[in-house]
Amino acid sequence: MLREIALFGAGVPSALLYFFAAVALFLAVDQLAKPLGFYRLVWHPPLVRLALFVCLFAGLVLFTRP
């Protein structure tokens, strides 16, 4: 179960930390995919980018759960 984390005296859901980690990971993967021409191979690049982010976020949450 996801818990709250105390950050500067405020309770922050741990999903927010997963979100920020997924954003950083997504930006790195996105910068690698652009020069390789990956987005030219797909039908709808923004949809693929969204799906990639969702997969990274879900993967982080599921991988780090005890």
PDB file of N, CA and C in Angstrom:
ATOM      1  N   MET A   1       0.836  -1.167   0.000  1.00  0.00           N
ATOM      2  CA  MET A   1       0.000   0.000   0.000  1.00  0.00           C
ATOM      3  C   MET A   1       0.889   1.241   0.000  1.00  0.00           C
ATOM      4  N   LEU A   2       0.541   2.218  -0.810  1.00  0.00           N
ATOM      5  CA  LEU A   2       1.299   3.453  -0.856  1.00  0.00           C
ATOM      6  C   LEU A   2       1.026   4.263   0.401  1.00  0.00           C
ATOM      7  N   ARG A   3       2.064   4.884   0.923  1.00  0.00           N
ATOM      8  CA  ARG A   3       1.941   5.641   2.167  1.00  0.00           C
ATOM      9  C   ARG A   3       2.226   7.107   1.913  1.00  0.00           C
ATOM     10  N   GLU A   4       1.982   7.897   2.924  1.00  0.00           N
ATOM     11  CA  GLU A   4       2.317   9.315   2.853  1.00  0.00           C
ATOM     12  C   GLU A   4       3.718   9.521   3.405  1.00  0.00           C
ATOM     13  N   ILE A   5       4.402  10.483   2.848  1.00  0.00           N
ATOM     14  CA  ILE A   5       5.762  10.817   3.254  1.00  0.00           C
ATOM     15  C   ILE A   5       5.743  12.254   3.757  1.00  0.00           C
ATOM     16  N   ALA A   6       6.379  12.496   4.891  1.00  0.00           N
ATOM     17  CA  ALA A   6       6.439  13.854   5.436  1.00  0.00           C
ATOM     18  C   ALA A   6       7.487  14.655   4.680  1.00  0.00           C
ATOM     19  N   LEU A   7       7.054  15.728   4.034  1.00  0.00           N
ATOM     20  CA  LEU A   7       7.957  16.575   3.267  1.00  0.00           C
ATOM     21  C   LEU A   7       7.729  18.015   3.703  1.00  0.00           C
ATOM     22  N   PHE A   8       8.688  18.570   4.444  1.00  0.00           N
ATOM     23  CA  PHE A   8       8.574  19.921   5.006  1.00  0.00           C
ATOM     24  C   PHE A   8       7.334  20.064   5.878  1.00  0.00           C
ATOM     25  N   GLY A   9       7.011  19.036   6.616  1.00  0.00           N
ATOM     26  CA  GLY A   9       5.888  19.082   7.542  1.00  0.00           C
ATOM     27  C   GLY A   9       4.537  18.803   6.914  1.00  0.00           C
ATOM     28  N   ALA A  10       4.495  18.533   5.628  1.00  0.00           N
ATOM     29  CA  ALA A  10       3.226  18.249   4.957  1.00  0.00           C
ATOM     30  C   ALA A  10       3.218  16.798   4.490  1.00  0.00           C
ATOM     31  N   GLY A  11       2.083  16.172   4.612  1.00  0.00           N
ATOM     32  CA  GLY A  11       1.951  14.795   4.144  1.00  0.00           C
ATOM     33  C   GLY A  11       1.803  14.758   2.629  1.00  0.00           C
ATOM     34  N   VAL A  12       2.733  14.090   1.981  1.00  0.00           N
ATOM     35  CA  VAL A  12       2.736  14.001   0.521  1.00  0.00           C
ATOM     36  C   VAL A  12       2.571  12.529   0.150  1.00  0.00           C
ATOM     37  N   PRO A  13       1.637  12.214  -0.742  1.00  0.00           N
ATOM     38  CA  PRO A  13       1.497  10.820  -1.136  1.00  0.00           C
ATOM     39  C   PRO A  13       2.760  10.329  -1.849  1.00  0.00           C
ATOM     40  N   SER A  14       3.134   9.108  -1.591  1.00  0.00           N
ATOM     41  CA  SER A  14       4.348   8.585  -2.216  1.00  0.00           C
ATOM     42  C   SER A  14       4.190   8.467  -3.725  1.00  0.00           C
ATOM     43  N   ALA A  15       2.968   8.444  -4.234  1.00  0.00           N
ATOM     44  CA  ALA A  15       2.755   8.396  -5.680  1.00  0.00           C
ATOM     45  C   ALA A  15       3.322   9.642  -6.348  1.00  0.00           C
ATOM     46  N   LEU A  16       3.367  10.761  -5.640  1.00  0.00           N
ATOM     47  CA  LEU A  16       3.938  11.981  -6.201  1.00  0.00           C
ATOM     48  C   LEU A  16       5.435  11.818  -6.437  1.00  0.00           C
ATOM     49  N   LEU A  17       6.115  11.144  -5.526  1.00  0.00           N
ATOM     50  CA  LEU A  17       7.540  10.891  -5.714  1.00  0.00           C
ATOM     51  C   LEU A  17       7.775   9.938  -6.876  1.00  0.00           C
ATOM     52  N   TYR A  18       6.919   8.931  -7.009  1.00  0.00           N
ATOM     53  CA  TYR A  18       6.999   8.036  -8.167  1.00  0.00           C
ATOM     54  C   TYR A  18       6.764   8.816  -9.458  1.00  0.00           C
ATOM     55  N   PHE A  19       5.834   9.777  -9.419  1.00  0.00           N
ATOM     56  CA  PHE A  19       5.531  10.579 -10.589  1.00  0.00           C
ATOM     57  C   PHE A  19       6.759  11.373 -11.025  1.00  0.00           C
ATOM     58  N   PHE A  20       7.429  12.029 -10.085  1.00  0.00           N
ATOM     59  CA  PHE A  20       8.608  12.816 -10.428  1.00  0.00           C
ATOM     60  C   PHE A  20       9.740  11.928 -10.951  1.00  0.00           C
ATOM     61  N   ALA A  21       9.899  10.746 -10.374  1.00  0.00           N
ATOM     62  CA  ALA A  21      10.913   9.821 -10.869  1.00  0.00           C
ATOM     63  C   ALA A  21      10.567   9.345 -12.279  1.00  0.00           C
ATOM     64  N   ALA A  22       9.289   9.100 -12.530  1.00  0.00           N
ATOM     65  CA  ALA A  22       8.866   8.664 -13.861  1.00  0.00           C
ATOM     66  C   ALA A  22       9.057   9.780 -14.886  1.00  0.00           C
ATOM     67  N   VAL A  23       8.833  11.028 -14.492  1.00  0.00           N
ATOM     68  CA  VAL A  23       9.055  12.154 -15.404  1.00  0.00           C
ATOM     69  C   VAL A  23      10.529  12.232 -15.793  1.00  0.00           C
ATOM     70  N   ALA A  24      11.412  12.108 -14.822  1.00  0.00           N
ATOM     71  CA  ALA A  24      12.848  12.161 -15.112  1.00  0.00           C
ATOM     72  C   ALA A  24      13.270  11.015 -16.024  1.00  0.00           C
ATOM     73  N   LEU A  25      12.780   9.824 -15.745  1.00  0.00           N
ATOM     74  CA  LEU A  25      13.106   8.662 -16.573  1.00  0.00           C
ATOM     75  C   LEU A  25      12.519   8.807 -17.968  1.00  0.00           C
ATOM     76  N   PHE A  26      11.299   9.325 -18.054  1.00  0.00           N
ATOM     77  CA  PHE A  26      10.655   9.522 -19.350  1.00  0.00           C
ATOM     78  C   PHE A  26      11.432  10.519 -20.199  1.00  0.00           C
ATOM     79  N   LEU A  27      11.883  11.612 -19.598  1.00  0.00           N
ATOM     80  CA  LEU A  27      12.637  12.600 -20.358  1.00  0.00           C
ATOM     81  C   LEU A  27      13.931  12.013 -20.916  1.00  0.00           C
ATOM     82  N   ALA A  28      14.575  11.161 -20.148  1.00  0.00           N
ATOM     83  CA  ALA A  28      15.798  10.512 -20.627  1.00  0.00           C
ATOM     84  C   ALA A  28      15.498   9.562 -21.784  1.00  0.00           C
ATOM     85  N   VAL A  29      14.470   8.743 -21.642  1.00  0.00           N
ATOM     86  CA  VAL A  29      14.118   7.801 -22.699  1.00  0.00           C
ATOM     87  C   VAL A  29      13.631   8.548 -23.944  1.00  0.00           C
ATOM     88  N   ASP A  30      12.886   9.623 -23.746  1.00  0.00           N
ATOM     89  CA  ASP A  30      12.381  10.413 -24.863  1.00  0.00           C
ATOM     90  C   ASP A  30      13.520  11.055 -25.649  1.00  0.00           C
ATOM     91  N   GLN A  31      14.527  11.535 -24.948  1.00  0.00           N
ATOM     92  CA  GLN A  31      15.666  12.134 -25.632  1.00  0.00           C
ATOM     93  C   GLN A  31      16.478  11.095 -26.409  1.00  0.00           C
ATOM     94  N   LEU A  32      16.436   9.845 -25.989  1.00  0.00           N
ATOM     95  CA  LEU A  32      17.100   8.781 -26.743  1.00  0.00           C
ATOM     96  C   LEU A  32      16.266   8.342 -27.947  1.00  0.00           C
ATOM     97  N   ALA A  33      14.950   8.376 -27.825  1.00  0.00           N
ATOM     98  CA  ALA A  33      14.080   7.898 -28.893  1.00  0.00           C
ATOM     99  C   ALA A  33      13.987   8.882 -30.051  1.00  0.00           C
ATOM    100  N   LYS A  34      14.088  10.168 -29.777  1.00  0.00           N
ATOM    101  CA  LYS A  34      13.970  11.177 -30.843  1.00  0.00           C
ATOM    102  C   LYS A  34      15.054  11.042 -31.909  1.00  0.00           C
ATOM    103  N   PRO A  35      16.343  11.026 -31.543  1.00  0.00           N
ATOM    104  CA  PRO A  35      17.361  10.941 -32.600  1.00  0.00           C
ATOM    105  C   PRO A  35      17.377   9.593 -33.324  1.00  0.00           C
ATOM    106  N   LEU A  36      16.878   8.559 -32.664  1.00  0.00           N
ATOM    107  CA  LEU A  36      16.847   7.248 -33.310  1.00  0.00           C
ATOM    108  C   LEU A  36      15.706   7.126 -34.316  1.00  0.00           C
ATOM    109  N   GLY A  37      14.810   8.100 -34.344  1.00  0.00           N
ATOM    110  CA  GLY A  37      13.712   8.075 -35.293  1.00  0.00           C
ATOM    111  C   GLY A  37      12.586   7.141 -34.904  1.00  0.00           C
ATOM    112  N   PHE A  38      12.478   6.839 -33.618  1.00  0.00           N
ATOM    113  CA  PHE A  38      11.432   5.917 -33.167  1.00  0.00           C
ATOM    114  C   PHE A  38      10.034   6.474 -33.423  1.00  0.00           C
ATOM    115  N   TYR A  39       9.869   7.780 -33.244  1.00  0.00           N
ATOM    116  CA  TYR A  39       8.544   8.375 -33.367  1.00  0.00           C
ATOM    117  C   TYR A  39       8.077   8.488 -34.815  1.00  0.00           C
ATOM    118  N   ARG A  40       8.984   8.314 -35.772  1.00  0.00           N
ATOM    119  CA  ARG A  40       8.569   8.295 -37.169  1.00  0.00           C
ATOM    120  C   ARG A  40       7.931   6.964 -37.548  1.00  0.00           C
ATOM    121  N   LEU A  41       8.131   5.953 -36.726  1.00  0.00           N
ATOM    122  CA  LEU A  41       7.620   4.620 -37.023  1.00  0.00           C
ATOM    123  C   LEU A  41       6.217   4.371 -36.482  1.00  0.00           C
ATOM    124  N   VAL A  42       5.725   5.256 -35.659  1.00  0.00           N
ATOM    125  CA  VAL A  42       4.430   5.029 -35.012  1.00  0.00           C
ATOM    126  C   VAL A  42       3.361   5.899 -35.643  1.00  0.00           C
ATOM    127  N   TRP A  43       2.111   5.497 -35.459  1.00  0.00           N
ATOM    128  CA  TRP A  43       0.984   6.176 -36.078  1.00  0.00           C
ATOM    129  C   TRP A  43       0.686   7.518 -35.417  1.00  0.00           C
ATOM    130  N   HIS A  44       0.735   7.559 -34.078  1.00  0.00           N
ATOM    131  CA  HIS A  44       0.356   8.768 -33.340  1.00  0.00           C
ATOM    132  C   HIS A  44       1.398   9.007 -32.247  1.00  0.00           C
ATOM    133  N   PRO A  45       2.457   9.765 -32.544  1.00  0.00           N
ATOM    134  CA  PRO A  45       3.552   9.950 -31.585  1.00  0.00           C
ATOM    135  C   PRO A  45       3.137  10.471 -30.206  1.00  0.00           C
ATOM    136  N   PRO A  46       2.223  11.463 -30.092  1.00  0.00           N
ATOM    137  CA  PRO A  46       1.860  11.896 -28.736  1.00  0.00           C
ATOM    138  C   PRO A  46       1.194  10.793 -27.913  1.00  0.00           C
ATOM    139  N   LEU A  47       0.418   9.949 -28.559  1.00  0.00           N
ATOM    140  CA  LEU A  47      -0.218   8.840 -27.855  1.00  0.00           C
ATOM    141  C   LEU A  47       0.821   7.823 -27.391  1.00  0.00           C
ATOM    142  N   VAL A  48       1.818   7.582 -28.208  1.00  0.00           N
ATOM    143  CA  VAL A  48       2.896   6.654 -27.832  1.00  0.00           C
ATOM    144  C   VAL A  48       3.710   7.232 -26.684  1.00  0.00           C
ATOM    145  N   ARG A  49       3.935   8.538 -26.704  1.00  0.00           N
ATOM    146  CA  ARG A  49       4.675   9.173 -25.611  1.00  0.00           C
ATOM    147  C   ARG A  49       3.896   9.069 -24.303  1.00  0.00           C
ATOM    148  N   LEU A  50       2.580   9.277 -24.357  1.00  0.00           N
ATOM    149  CA  LEU A  50       1.750   9.130 -23.159  1.00  0.00           C
ATOM    150  C   LEU A  50       1.782   7.695 -22.649  1.00  0.00           C
ATOM    151  N   ALA A  51       1.650   6.738 -23.555  1.00  0.00           N
ATOM    152  CA  ALA A  51       1.684   5.331 -23.158  1.00  0.00           C
ATOM    153  C   ALA A  51       3.034   4.960 -22.552  1.00  0.00           C
ATOM    154  N   LEU A  52       4.103   5.511 -23.097  1.00  0.00           N
ATOM    155  CA  LEU A  52       5.434   5.256 -22.543  1.00  0.00           C
ATOM    156  C   LEU A  52       5.542   5.789 -21.124  1.00  0.00           C
ATOM    157  N   PHE A  53       5.024   7.001 -20.897  1.00  0.00           N
ATOM    158  CA  PHE A  53       5.060   7.561 -19.554  1.00  0.00           C
ATOM    159  C   PHE A  53       4.239   6.716 -18.574  1.00  0.00           C
ATOM    160  N   VAL A  54       3.049   6.301 -18.982  1.00  0.00           N
ATOM    161  CA  VAL A  54       2.193   5.495 -18.107  1.00  0.00           C
ATOM    162  C   VAL A  54       2.872   4.166 -17.785  1.00  0.00           C
ATOM    163  N   CYS A  55       3.509   3.565 -18.769  1.00  0.00           N
ATOM    164  CA  CYS A  55       4.218   2.302 -18.520  1.00  0.00           C
ATOM    165  C   CYS A  55       5.389   2.494 -17.565  1.00  0.00           C
ATOM    166  N   LEU A  56       6.124   3.587 -17.719  1.00  0.00           N
ATOM    167  CA  LEU A  56       7.238   3.853 -16.807  1.00  0.00           C
ATOM    168  C   LEU A  56       6.748   4.119 -15.390  1.00  0.00           C
ATOM    169  N   PHE A  57       5.682   4.885 -15.263  1.00  0.00           N
ATOM    170  CA  PHE A  57       5.126   5.189 -13.940  1.00  0.00           C
ATOM    171  C   PHE A  57       4.626   3.909 -13.266  1.00  0.00           C
ATOM    172  N   ALA A  58       3.845   3.120 -13.988  1.00  0.00           N
ATOM    173  CA  ALA A  58       3.324   1.870 -13.415  1.00  0.00           C
ATOM    174  C   ALA A  58       4.446   0.893 -13.098  1.00  0.00           C
ATOM    175  N   GLY A  59       5.454   0.860 -13.957  1.00  0.00           N
ATOM    176  CA  GLY A  59       6.587  -0.028 -13.708  1.00  0.00           C
ATOM    177  C   GLY A  59       7.346   0.354 -12.448  1.00  0.00           C
ATOM    178  N   LEU A  60       7.551   1.648 -12.240  1.00  0.00           N
ATOM    179  CA  LEU A  60       8.234   2.098 -11.027  1.00  0.00           C
ATOM    180  C   LEU A  60       7.437   1.732  -9.776  1.00  0.00           C
ATOM    181  N   VAL A  61       6.131   1.962  -9.819  1.00  0.00           N
ATOM    182  CA  VAL A  61       5.297   1.666  -8.662  1.00  0.00           C
ATOM    183  C   VAL A  61       5.315   0.163  -8.370  1.00  0.00           C
ATOM    184  N   LEU A  62       5.132  -0.651  -9.389  1.00  0.00           N
ATOM    185  CA  LEU A  62       5.085  -2.093  -9.175  1.00  0.00           C
ATOM    186  C   LEU A  62       6.445  -2.676  -8.817  1.00  0.00           C
ATOM    187  N   PHE A  63       7.519  -2.120  -9.374  1.00  0.00           N
ATOM    188  CA  PHE A  63       8.853  -2.648  -9.113  1.00  0.00           C
ATOM    189  C   PHE A  63       9.327  -2.337  -7.700  1.00  0.00           C
ATOM    190  N   THR A  64       8.924  -1.206  -7.146  1.00  0.00           N
ATOM    191  CA  THR A  64       9.426  -0.807  -5.840  1.00  0.00           C
ATOM    192  C   THR A  64       8.520  -1.204  -4.689  1.00  0.00           C
ATOM    193  N   ARG A  65       7.377  -1.796  -4.975  1.00  0.00           N
ATOM    194  CA  ARG A  65       6.503  -2.249  -3.886  1.00  0.00           C
ATOM    195  C   ARG A  65       7.087  -3.479  -3.214  1.00  0.00           C
ATOM    196  N   PRO A  66       6.965  -3.564  -1.892  1.00  0.00           N
ATOM    197  CA  PRO A  66       7.514  -4.743  -1.184  1.00  0.00           C
ATOM    198  C   PRO A  66       6.704  -5.987  -1.425  1.00  0.00           C
TER     199      PRO A  66
END
